[in-house]
Amino acid sequence: MNIEVPVEQLGDRQQRFVREGIWLGIVVACALLAAVKPALSSITAAALYIPIVCVAFWKLGEKAGWFVAFLIGLTTGLSASGPAPINLAVHVLVFALAGWVGSRVLRISTGPGNHAGHDPLTGALTREAFDDALKQAVEPTQGSRSLVLLAVVDLDDLGAINGRFGRREGDRVLMAFAQQARRSLGSTGIFGRIGGDRFGFLVAVNSHDKGERFAIGLQTALSFVLARRTNMVTCSMGALLISPQNRRSVVSLMDSVEQLVITAKRSGKNAVELEWNGLHSLRLVPRYSSVVTRGEQ
C-alpha cells in the first residue's frame, strides 16, 4: 500500500502563504499611511513608517527590508524640501538603519534562547520542560480526553555532517529541522529537544488513524527538509499513541518510545515505528522521496 504525502509542496506553500500575507500587510499599511500623511507632521509620518520597515527586515529578510526602506524613502524623500538626490539618500538610509536595528532588537528580545525552559539553538523545550508537558498531557483528568501522540525523532547520520563540515553546519541542520517541526505542529503541538539530535513531539489526535497519518506526515516532511539541505541526513521516528486510560509514568512512556526509535533505526533508518495498544507497525520511507510504503511487522 502506498500513501502519497505531498511534503514537497506543503512546507513551501505554507511559507509562501505567510510571506505573501506579510507583503500584503506592508502594502496595506503603506497605503493607509499615504492616505493620512497630509494630516500628519513629517516626524510623525516617519515614526509610523519605521515599524513597517522593521517588520520587513524581521520577517522577510534583509533584502526585502532594504527594498521596503528604499520605496518608503523614495516616496518620503522626493516629497521633502531640498535637493532630491540628497533627500532620497538620507531617507533611505534612516529608514533602513532604523528598520535593521529595530528588527535585531525584536529578534533578540523574542529569541528562543531568552525564554526559560527552551533550548537556545532550536527554540524547542528542554528535556525537563518536555517531560513536564508530557506529564500534564497524560495525567488522569475528569471527563473525556483525546488520544495523545508521543513521538521521538532522531536525526540519522548527523555525526557525519559534524565530522565532515564541522559542528556549525550541524547546528544549521538542527535549526532547519526545528523550523520545519514548528511549522508542522502549528500552535497545538509541543516540541522539545530531549538530547543531542533527538527531539520529542506531543500532540492530541482524534483517532488512531489520524495519529498514524500525522506521524507519517511529520516524519516525511522533516526528512524532506533535511534532504533539501544535504543528501546525508534523514530522520527516524518512534511514535506511541497513548489512550485516555493511560496509567503509565512519564519515564515508562519515554523508555517505550525511545525503544521504538531504536527499532526504526535498525530497520534501515528513515522510518516510523508506531505502537498502539501493544501492536507494532513499521513504515519504511524511501530516502528523499514523498512516497511512503507501509509494511506490517
Protein backbone atom coordinates (compact mmCIF):
# COMPACT_ATOMS: atom_id res chain seq x y z
CA MET A 1 0.00 0.00 0.00
CA ASN A 2 1.42 3.37 -0.96
CA ILE A 3 0.49 6.63 0.69
CA GLU A 4 1.27 9.78 -1.24
CA VAL A 5 2.36 12.59 1.03
CA PRO A 6 2.87 15.92 -0.81
CA VAL A 7 5.56 17.14 1.58
CA GLU A 8 7.49 18.87 -1.19
CA GLN A 9 4.65 21.32 -1.58
CA LEU A 10 3.38 21.55 1.98
CA GLY A 11 6.25 23.46 3.61
CA ASP A 12 6.88 25.68 0.60
CA ARG A 13 3.22 26.57 0.18
CA GLN A 14 2.82 27.39 3.85
CA GLN A 15 5.92 29.54 3.91
CA ARG A 16 4.92 31.30 0.69
CA PHE A 17 1.43 31.96 2.08
CA VAL A 18 2.89 33.56 5.22
CA ARG A 19 5.28 35.73 3.22
CA GLU A 20 2.52 36.84 0.88
CA GLY A 21 0.39 37.77 3.89
CA ILE A 22 3.22 39.85 5.34
CA TRP A 23 3.77 41.60 1.99
CA LEU A 24 0.05 42.33 1.75
CA GLY A 25 0.06 43.77 5.26
CA ILE A 26 3.02 46.01 4.40
CA VAL A 27 1.33 47.28 1.24
CA VAL A 28 -1.96 47.99 3.05
CA ALA A 29 -0.16 49.75 5.92
CA CYS A 30 1.83 51.93 3.50
CA ALA A 31 -1.32 52.79 1.55
CA LEU A 32 -3.16 53.80 4.70
CA LEU A 33 -0.24 55.92 5.86
CA ALA A 34 -0.03 57.60 2.46
CA ALA A 35 -3.72 58.45 2.70
CA VAL A 36 -3.46 60.07 6.13
CA LYS A 37 0.04 61.51 5.66
CA PRO A 38 -1.17 65.02 4.66
CA ALA A 39 -2.78 65.35 8.07
CA LEU A 40 0.39 64.31 9.92
CA SER A 41 3.64 66.08 10.60
CA SER A 42 6.71 64.78 8.76
CA ILE A 43 8.21 63.46 12.03
CA THR A 44 5.02 61.59 12.95
CA ALA A 45 4.75 60.09 9.48
CA ALA A 46 8.37 58.93 9.57
CA ALA A 47 7.87 57.37 13.01
CA LEU A 48 4.88 55.40 11.70
CA TYR A 49 6.79 54.13 8.68
CA ILE A 50 9.68 52.76 10.75
CA PRO A 51 7.70 49.81 12.26
CA ILE A 52 6.79 48.74 8.72
CA VAL A 53 10.46 48.62 7.75
CA CYS A 54 11.23 46.73 10.97
CA VAL A 55 8.66 44.07 10.07
CA ALA A 56 10.14 43.73 6.57
CA PHE A 57 13.66 43.19 7.96
CA TRP A 58 12.47 40.90 10.75
CA LYS A 59 10.03 38.67 8.86
CA LEU A 60 11.15 38.85 5.23
CA GLY A 61 14.93 39.23 5.45
CA GLU A 62 17.45 41.97 4.84
CA LYS A 63 16.95 42.17 1.06
CA ALA A 64 13.24 42.75 1.48
CA GLY A 65 13.93 45.19 4.30
CA TRP A 66 16.23 47.29 2.15
CA PHE A 67 13.71 47.16 -0.70
CA VAL A 68 10.87 48.42 1.53
CA ALA A 69 13.15 51.06 3.05
CA PHE A 70 14.09 52.23 -0.44
CA LEU A 71 10.45 52.52 -1.56
CA ILE A 72 9.40 54.37 1.58
CA GLY A 73 12.49 56.57 1.39
CA LEU A 74 11.68 57.29 -2.25
CA THR A 75 8.13 58.40 -1.53
CA THR A 76 9.03 60.46 1.54
CA GLY A 77 12.35 61.82 0.25
CA LEU A 78 11.02 63.16 -3.02
CA SER A 79 8.20 64.98 -1.26
CA ALA A 80 10.58 66.72 1.18
CA SER A 81 12.14 70.09 0.53
CA GLY A 82 15.76 70.29 -0.62
CA PRO A 83 17.82 68.51 -3.31
CA ALA A 84 16.04 65.32 -4.36
CA PRO A 85 19.11 63.01 -4.50
CA ILE A 86 20.24 64.03 -1.02
CA ASN A 87 16.74 63.72 0.43
CA LEU A 88 16.32 60.31 -1.13
CA ALA A 89 19.66 59.01 0.17
CA VAL A 90 19.08 60.37 3.66
CA HIS A 91 15.56 58.99 3.93
CA VAL A 92 16.51 55.53 2.63
CA LEU A 93 19.48 55.36 4.99
CA VAL A 94 17.47 56.50 8.00
CA PHE A 95 14.61 54.07 7.37
CA ALA A 96 16.94 51.16 6.58
CA LEU A 97 19.12 51.67 9.65
CA ALA A 98 16.11 52.15 11.92
CA GLY A 99 14.46 49.03 10.49
CA TRP A 100 17.60 46.93 10.73
CA VAL A 101 18.30 47.95 14.33
CA GLY A 102 14.66 47.50 15.30
CA SER A 103 14.48 44.04 13.76
CA ARG A 104 17.64 42.99 15.59
CA VAL A 105 16.23 44.16 18.90
CA LEU A 106 12.98 42.29 18.26
CA ARG A 107 14.84 39.15 17.21
CA ILE A 108 17.00 39.20 20.33
CA SER A 109 14.15 40.04 22.71
CA THR A 110 11.84 37.35 21.31
CA GLY A 111 14.52 34.76 20.51
CA PRO A 112 14.10 31.25 21.90
CA GLY A 113 17.24 31.49 23.98
CA ASN A 114 15.69 34.20 26.13
CA HIS A 115 12.89 32.01 27.46
CA ALA A 116 13.44 29.68 30.38
CA GLY A 117 12.89 26.03 29.58
CA HIS A 118 13.85 26.40 25.89
CA ASP A 119 16.88 25.16 24.03
CA PRO A 120 18.87 28.24 22.89
CA LEU A 121 19.79 26.79 19.48
CA THR A 122 16.49 25.34 18.24
CA GLY A 123 13.91 27.06 20.43
CA ALA A 124 12.50 23.67 21.44
CA LEU A 125 11.58 22.87 25.03
CA THR A 126 14.34 21.43 27.16
CA ARG A 127 14.11 17.77 28.23
CA GLU A 128 12.85 18.74 31.67
CA ALA A 129 10.18 21.07 30.27
CA PHE A 130 9.10 18.47 27.71
CA ASP A 131 8.76 15.80 30.42
CA ASP A 132 6.63 18.22 32.45
CA ALA A 133 4.39 18.83 29.42
CA LEU A 134 4.05 15.08 28.85
CA LYS A 135 3.15 14.54 32.49
CA GLN A 136 0.39 17.12 32.28
CA ALA A 137 -0.91 15.67 29.00
CA VAL A 138 -1.28 12.09 30.26
CA GLU A 139 -2.23 12.52 33.90
CA PRO A 140 -5.79 11.41 34.69
CA THR A 141 -8.41 14.15 34.37
CA GLN A 142 -12.17 14.27 34.68
CA GLY A 143 -14.20 13.90 31.51
CA SER A 144 -13.14 12.66 28.10
CA ARG A 145 -9.71 13.25 26.64
CA SER A 146 -8.27 12.71 23.19
CA LEU A 147 -5.58 10.26 22.28
CA VAL A 148 -2.09 11.67 22.72
CA LEU A 149 0.60 11.04 20.15
CA LEU A 150 4.07 10.94 21.69
CA ALA A 151 6.82 10.82 19.08
CA VAL A 152 10.59 10.92 19.32
CA VAL A 153 12.67 11.71 16.25
CA ASP A 154 16.38 11.01 15.91
CA LEU A 155 18.37 12.56 13.06
CA ASP A 156 20.17 9.90 11.03
CA ASP A 157 23.88 10.37 10.37
CA LEU A 158 24.15 13.91 11.73
CA GLY A 159 27.55 12.92 13.12
CA ALA A 160 28.81 12.58 9.54
CA ILE A 161 27.84 16.20 8.89
CA ASN A 162 29.64 17.37 12.02
CA GLY A 163 32.71 15.32 11.13
CA ARG A 164 32.89 16.42 7.50
CA PHE A 165 31.71 20.03 7.61
CA GLY A 166 32.07 21.00 11.27
CA ARG A 167 29.65 21.48 14.12
CA ARG A 168 28.47 24.83 12.78
CA GLU A 169 26.97 23.13 9.74
CA GLY A 170 25.44 20.52 12.03
CA ASP A 171 23.82 23.34 14.01
CA ARG A 172 22.37 24.75 10.79
CA VAL A 173 20.83 21.36 10.05
CA LEU A 174 19.29 21.28 13.53
CA MET A 175 17.86 24.78 13.11
CA ALA A 176 16.32 23.89 9.72
CA PHE A 177 14.84 20.77 11.31
CA ALA A 178 13.40 22.78 14.21
CA GLN A 179 11.87 25.35 11.88
CA GLN A 180 10.01 22.67 9.92
CA ALA A 181 8.98 20.96 13.17
CA ARG A 182 7.27 24.14 14.38
CA ARG A 183 5.57 24.63 11.00
CA SER A 184 4.26 21.05 11.03
CA LEU A 185 2.96 21.21 14.60
CA GLY A 186 1.35 24.62 14.32
CA SER A 187 0.05 26.11 17.55
CA THR A 188 -1.40 22.92 19.02
CA GLY A 189 1.60 20.64 19.42
CA ILE A 190 4.57 20.58 21.78
CA PHE A 191 8.14 20.23 20.56
CA GLY A 192 11.20 19.54 22.72
CA ARG A 193 14.89 18.75 22.36
CA ILE A 194 15.42 15.76 24.58
CA GLY A 195 19.11 15.32 23.92
CA GLY A 196 21.67 15.93 21.17
CA ASP A 197 19.98 15.32 17.83
CA ARG A 198 16.90 13.68 19.37
CA PHE A 199 13.59 15.56 19.61
CA GLY A 200 10.21 14.87 21.16
CA PHE A 201 6.75 15.73 19.83
CA LEU A 202 3.46 15.76 21.66
CA VAL A 203 0.07 16.35 20.03
CA ALA A 204 -3.55 15.42 20.69
CA VAL A 205 -5.28 13.38 17.95
CA ASN A 206 -8.88 12.28 17.46
CA SER A 207 -8.28 8.70 16.38
CA HIS A 208 -5.69 6.01 15.80
CA ASP A 209 -5.81 6.58 12.03
CA LYS A 210 -5.31 10.32 12.35
CA GLY A 211 -2.43 9.78 14.75
CA GLU A 212 -0.84 7.33 12.33
CA ARG A 213 -1.21 9.71 9.38
CA PHE A 214 0.12 12.63 11.40
CA ALA A 215 3.20 10.68 12.49
CA ILE A 216 3.99 9.55 8.93
CA GLY A 217 3.40 13.02 7.50
CA LEU A 218 5.54 14.67 10.18
CA GLN A 219 8.47 12.29 9.69
CA THR A 220 8.28 12.60 5.91
CA ALA A 221 8.12 16.40 5.99
CA LEU A 222 11.08 16.57 8.37
CA SER A 223 13.18 14.18 6.26
CA PHE A 224 12.35 16.11 3.11
CA VAL A 225 13.51 19.40 4.64
CA LEU A 226 16.71 17.73 5.82
CA ALA A 227 17.31 16.23 2.37
CA ARG A 228 16.91 19.62 0.72
CA ARG A 229 19.83 20.88 2.79
CA THR A 230 22.08 17.85 2.49
CA ASN A 231 21.84 14.38 0.96
CA MET A 232 23.27 12.74 4.06
CA VAL A 233 20.60 13.27 6.70
CA THR A 234 17.12 11.86 7.23
CA CYS A 235 15.36 11.04 10.49
CA SER A 236 13.89 8.01 12.23
CA MET A 237 10.79 8.20 14.41
CA GLY A 238 9.29 6.20 17.22
CA ALA A 239 5.62 7.03 17.82
CA LEU A 240 3.39 5.93 20.69
CA LEU A 241 -0.36 6.52 20.83
CA ILE A 242 -1.41 6.99 24.44
CA SER A 243 -5.03 6.29 25.37
CA PRO A 244 -7.07 8.38 27.83
CA GLN A 245 -6.97 5.41 30.23
CA ASN A 246 -3.17 5.50 30.43
CA ARG A 247 -1.69 4.89 33.87
CA ARG A 248 1.98 4.64 32.87
CA SER A 249 4.60 7.06 34.15
CA VAL A 250 6.46 9.59 32.05
CA VAL A 251 9.64 7.55 32.44
CA SER A 252 7.93 4.39 31.22
CA LEU A 253 6.36 6.15 28.23
CA MET A 254 9.65 7.77 27.21
CA ASP A 255 11.52 4.48 27.56
CA SER A 256 8.99 2.78 25.27
CA VAL A 257 9.03 5.43 22.57
CA GLU A 258 12.83 5.59 22.55
CA GLN A 259 12.94 1.81 22.07
CA LEU A 260 10.68 2.35 19.05
CA VAL A 261 13.24 4.82 17.68
CA ILE A 262 15.96 2.19 18.04
CA THR A 263 13.80 -0.32 16.14
CA ALA A 264 13.18 2.20 13.35
CA LYS A 265 16.90 2.91 13.01
CA ARG A 266 17.79 -0.79 13.00
CA SER A 267 15.26 -1.33 10.19
CA GLY A 268 17.39 0.82 7.89
CA LYS A 269 16.69 4.34 9.19
CA ASN A 270 14.36 6.94 7.71
CA ALA A 271 11.37 5.03 9.08
CA VAL A 272 8.48 5.32 11.50
CA GLU A 273 7.87 2.67 14.15
CA LEU A 274 4.38 3.09 15.62
CA GLU A 275 2.86 1.37 18.68
CA TRP A 276 -0.80 1.33 19.68
CA ASN A 277 -2.20 -0.95 22.39
CA GLY A 278 0.85 -3.19 22.19
CA LEU A 279 0.65 -3.58 18.40
CA HIS A 280 3.65 -2.53 16.30
CA SER A 281 3.74 -1.45 12.69
CA LEU A 282 6.74 -0.22 10.71
CA ARG A 283 6.57 2.40 7.97
CA LEU A 284 9.60 2.45 5.73
CA VAL A 285 10.21 5.74 3.94
CA PRO A 286 12.43 5.66 0.83
CA ARG A 287 15.18 8.23 1.15
CA TYR A 288 14.40 11.68 -0.28
CA SER A 289 11.02 10.59 -1.62
CA SER A 290 7.48 11.69 -0.91
CA VAL A 291 6.19 8.13 -1.30
CA VAL A 292 5.68 6.19 1.92
CA THR A 293 5.43 2.41 1.69
CA ARG A 294 3.83 0.51 4.51
CA GLY A 295 4.82 -2.89 5.79
CA GLU A 296 3.30 -4.52 8.85
CA GLN A 297 5.53 -6.27 11.35
